[in-house]
Protein backbone atom coordinates (compact mmCIF):
# COMPACT_ATOMS: atom_id res chain seq x y z
CA MET A 1 77.80 63.07 117.17
CA LYS A 2 78.77 65.28 114.97
CA MET A 3 82.22 62.43 115.05
CA SER A 4 79.47 59.72 114.32
CA SER A 5 77.82 62.35 111.49
CA PHE A 6 81.45 61.98 109.99
CA LEU A 7 82.05 58.52 110.09
CA LEU A 8 78.54 57.54 108.72
CA VAL A 9 78.82 59.70 105.19
CA SER A 10 82.32 58.77 104.65
CA LEU A 11 81.24 55.46 104.90
CA PHE A 12 78.09 55.79 101.94
CA LEU A 13 80.95 57.88 99.98
CA THR A 14 83.50 54.30 100.96
CA LEU A 15 80.89 51.73 100.03
CA GLY A 16 80.13 54.20 96.92
CA VAL A 17 76.50 54.54 98.21
CA LYS A 18 73.87 56.60 96.71
CA THR A 19 72.79 60.16 98.16
CA SER A 20 70.80 61.21 95.71
CA TYR A 21 67.80 60.77 97.84
CA GLY A 22 64.24 63.10 96.55
CA GLN A 23 66.37 63.91 93.03
CA CYS A 24 64.05 61.47 90.60
CA ARG A 25 62.35 63.83 88.08
CA ALA A 26 61.79 64.30 84.22
CA ILE A 27 62.73 67.31 82.58
CA LYS A 28 59.38 68.59 81.75
CA GLU A 29 60.42 69.81 78.51
CA SER A 30 61.03 66.83 76.86
CA VAL A 31 58.28 64.93 77.79
CA LYS A 32 56.60 63.59 74.64
CA LEU A 33 52.76 62.17 73.63
CA HIS A 34 52.40 60.41 70.45
CA TRP A 35 49.16 58.34 69.88
CA THR A 36 48.80 55.78 66.77
CA GLY A 37 45.67 54.67 65.30
CA TYR A 38 45.08 52.57 62.55
CA LYS A 39 43.10 52.59 59.14
CA PHE A 40 42.18 49.70 56.21
CA THR A 41 42.02 45.71 56.55
CA THR A 42 46.13 46.15 56.18
CA LYS A 43 45.33 47.72 59.67
CA THR A 44 48.24 50.97 58.29
CA PRO A 45 49.16 53.34 61.50
CA VAL A 46 47.95 57.33 61.41
CA SER A 47 50.06 59.01 63.85
CA GLY A 48 50.55 62.22 65.46
CA GLN A 49 50.85 63.85 68.96
CA PHE A 50 49.51 66.02 71.32
CA THR A 51 52.01 68.80 72.41
CA LYS A 52 50.00 70.66 75.63
CA ILE A 53 50.65 68.30 78.68
CA GLY A 54 50.26 68.75 82.40
CA PHE A 55 51.21 66.71 84.28
CA THR A 56 52.59 66.66 88.80
CA ASN A 57 56.57 66.30 88.57
CA PRO A 58 57.33 65.71 92.07
CA VAL A 59 61.16 65.15 92.94
CA SER A 60 60.86 61.64 94.31
CA ALA A 61 63.24 59.15 95.96
CA ASN A 62 63.31 56.67 93.48
CA LEU A 63 61.28 55.99 89.89
CA THR A 64 58.02 54.06 91.45
CA GLU A 65 57.32 56.67 93.57
CA TRP A 66 57.79 59.32 91.20
CA LEU A 67 55.05 56.99 88.61
CA ARG A 68 52.64 56.43 91.93
CA GLN A 69 52.43 60.05 92.54
CA LEU A 70 51.48 61.00 88.97
CA ASN A 71 47.99 62.94 87.71
CA PHE A 72 47.99 64.29 83.96
CA LYS A 73 46.30 66.96 82.35
CA ILE A 74 45.62 66.52 78.14
CA ASP A 75 44.86 69.42 75.86
CA THR A 76 43.60 67.55 73.63
CA THR A 77 43.33 70.90 71.38
CA SER A 78 46.84 70.46 71.08
CA LEU A 79 46.39 67.48 68.03
CA ILE A 80 48.50 67.28 65.71
CA SER A 81 49.34 64.55 62.84
CA GLY A 82 50.58 65.88 60.13
CA ASN A 83 47.76 66.96 57.85
CA GLU A 84 44.88 69.30 58.60
CA VAL A 85 42.26 68.24 57.81
CA ARG A 86 42.79 64.85 59.94
CA ASP A 87 43.27 67.23 62.60
CA ALA A 88 39.99 68.71 61.78
CA LYS A 89 37.84 66.33 61.82
CA LEU A 90 39.14 64.35 65.25
CA LEU A 91 39.10 67.47 66.52
CA LYS A 92 35.18 67.80 65.18
CA TYR A 93 33.98 64.01 66.13
CA VAL A 94 36.07 62.88 68.94
CA PHE A 95 37.19 65.17 71.47
CA ASN A 96 35.29 68.36 71.31
CA THR A 97 32.29 65.92 71.36
CA LEU A 98 33.74 64.61 74.49
CA LEU A 99 31.84 64.61 77.88
CA SER A 100 35.37 65.86 79.42
CA LYS A 101 35.24 69.43 76.89
CA ASN A 102 38.75 68.59 75.21
CA GLN A 103 40.57 67.77 77.87
CA ILE A 104 41.90 64.41 79.43
CA GLN A 105 42.62 63.95 83.05
CA GLY A 106 44.75 60.35 84.78
CA GLN A 107 45.41 59.56 87.16
CA THR A 108 47.77 56.87 88.15
CA LEU A 109 46.37 53.67 90.22
CA SER A 110 48.83 51.21 90.94
CA VAL A 111 52.81 50.50 89.64
CA LEU A 112 53.83 47.30 89.61
CA LYS A 113 58.04 46.93 88.83
CA THR A 114 58.48 43.86 86.97
CA THR A 115 62.60 44.66 86.19
CA PRO A 116 65.01 46.60 88.19
CA LEU A 117 64.24 48.95 84.28
CA ALA A 118 60.56 47.92 84.19
CA GLY A 119 57.30 47.00 85.04
CA THR A 120 53.79 48.04 84.76
CA SER A 121 51.15 50.79 85.42
CA ARG A 122 47.66 50.43 86.17
CA VAL A 123 46.17 54.08 85.14
CA GLU A 124 42.26 55.94 85.47
CA ILE A 125 41.92 57.94 82.26
CA ASN A 126 38.50 60.19 82.16
CA LEU A 127 37.05 59.86 78.84
CA ASN A 128 33.57 60.08 78.24
CA SER A 129 33.58 58.09 81.63
CA LYS A 130 36.72 56.59 84.27
CA GLN A 131 38.33 54.00 81.67
CA ARG A 132 41.26 52.26 83.45
CA ILE A 133 44.55 51.76 80.40
CA LYS A 134 47.59 49.59 81.23
CA LEU A 135 50.99 51.58 80.95
CA ASP A 136 54.36 48.88 79.91
CA TRP A 137 57.02 51.47 80.75
CA ASP A 138 61.03 50.43 81.17
CA ILE A 139 63.81 52.76 81.53
CA LYS A 140 67.23 53.26 80.15
CA LYS A 141 70.12 54.95 79.25
CA LYS A 142 71.26 56.04 76.63
CA ASN A 143 73.06 58.76 74.34
CA ASN A 144 74.22 59.19 78.62
CA LYS A 145 70.54 60.29 78.65
CA VAL A 146 67.77 58.27 80.90
CA LEU A 147 64.94 56.94 79.15
CA LEU A 148 61.64 56.51 79.68
CA THR A 149 59.14 54.95 77.68
CA ALA A 150 55.47 53.42 78.61
CA ILE A 151 52.78 52.44 75.92
CA GLY A 152 48.85 51.35 76.73
CA ARG A 153 46.39 50.46 74.57
CA ILE A 154 42.29 52.51 74.44
CA ASN A 155 39.71 50.03 72.55
CA LEU A 156 37.87 53.25 71.76
CA ILE A 157 34.42 50.94 71.85
CA THR A 158 34.95 49.28 74.75
CA HIS A 159 37.03 52.52 76.56
CA GLY A 160 33.09 54.59 76.13
CA MET A 161 34.42 55.94 72.70
CA GLY A 162 31.49 53.86 70.87
CA GLN A 163 30.23 56.41 68.77
CA ASN A 164 32.81 58.54 68.49
CA TRP A 165 34.59 55.74 66.80
CA SER A 166 31.31 55.26 64.84
CA ASP A 167 31.67 59.29 63.59
CA ILE A 168 34.86 59.36 63.00
CA HIS A 169 34.99 56.45 60.39
CA SER A 170 31.86 57.20 58.84
CA GLN A 171 33.45 60.88 57.45
CA CYS A 172 36.59 58.74 56.26
CA LEU A 173 35.07 56.10 55.01
CA LEU A 174 36.92 57.34 51.32
CA LEU A 175 39.79 57.46 53.20
CA HIS A 176 40.57 54.66 54.96
CA THR A 177 39.27 52.46 52.28
CA GLY A 178 41.71 50.55 50.67
CA THR A 179 42.30 48.87 47.71
CA ASP A 180 40.84 46.59 49.21
CA LYS A 181 37.58 48.25 48.61
CA VAL A 182 36.47 47.44 52.26
CA ALA A 183 36.72 50.31 54.45
CA GLN A 184 38.25 49.55 58.02
CA THR A 185 38.79 51.94 60.87
CA TRP A 186 40.14 50.26 63.78
CA THR A 187 39.05 50.54 67.17
CA ASP A 188 42.43 50.13 69.07
CA VAL A 189 44.87 53.53 70.07
CA GLU A 190 47.74 52.98 70.55
CA VAL A 191 49.44 55.87 72.94
CA LYS A 192 53.32 55.76 73.95
CA ILE A 193 54.64 58.15 76.54
CA THR A 194 58.64 58.84 76.65
CA ALA A 195 59.82 61.47 78.47
CA GLN A 196 64.38 62.16 80.09
CA MET A 197 64.68 61.81 83.52
CA THR A 198 66.78 62.32 85.85
CA LYS A 199 70.52 60.14 86.67
CA ALA A 200 68.86 59.66 90.08
CA CYS A 201 65.31 57.38 88.62
CA LEU A 202 67.94 55.14 86.63
């Protein structure tokens, strides 16, 4: 039996088979969540991030399995956009009035791998109600690091935040009025998640 096990391991090494099963996970301190909203009829971006994100980080066999087990919690009071006045308005008129009270929770519902290094995840998030969004993700190696990027979009109207959008638009009428004298606060927001993963995820 011992000889058989020895021969099996030797065969794996000879063929170059990976034996790092169960080593895929995120490097926790590398995880970032950025958001981009838009103003003016020219759709000028306004970006920021949340700095406090809690998430499950199970040691998994591969990236797909890791994504399937992903649950997360975002502390919306950790919002920063580089403008304290804007941050205060967003907190007061958008996030403080969420039914979830300064917190956004979510979980992965499904993962579809479309290529060896890319795919789509369906994620349920709890805003004013449970809503589903699509995240398109890819993973690649850059400067000897394995990097995961996931991008999705939330429409504030269709995702149960119409009143939140109306409130922030009213508060920012002058700031969101462009050279054409039209006040525009767009309802769509892009979310972008980046993380460095262990090499076993690739």
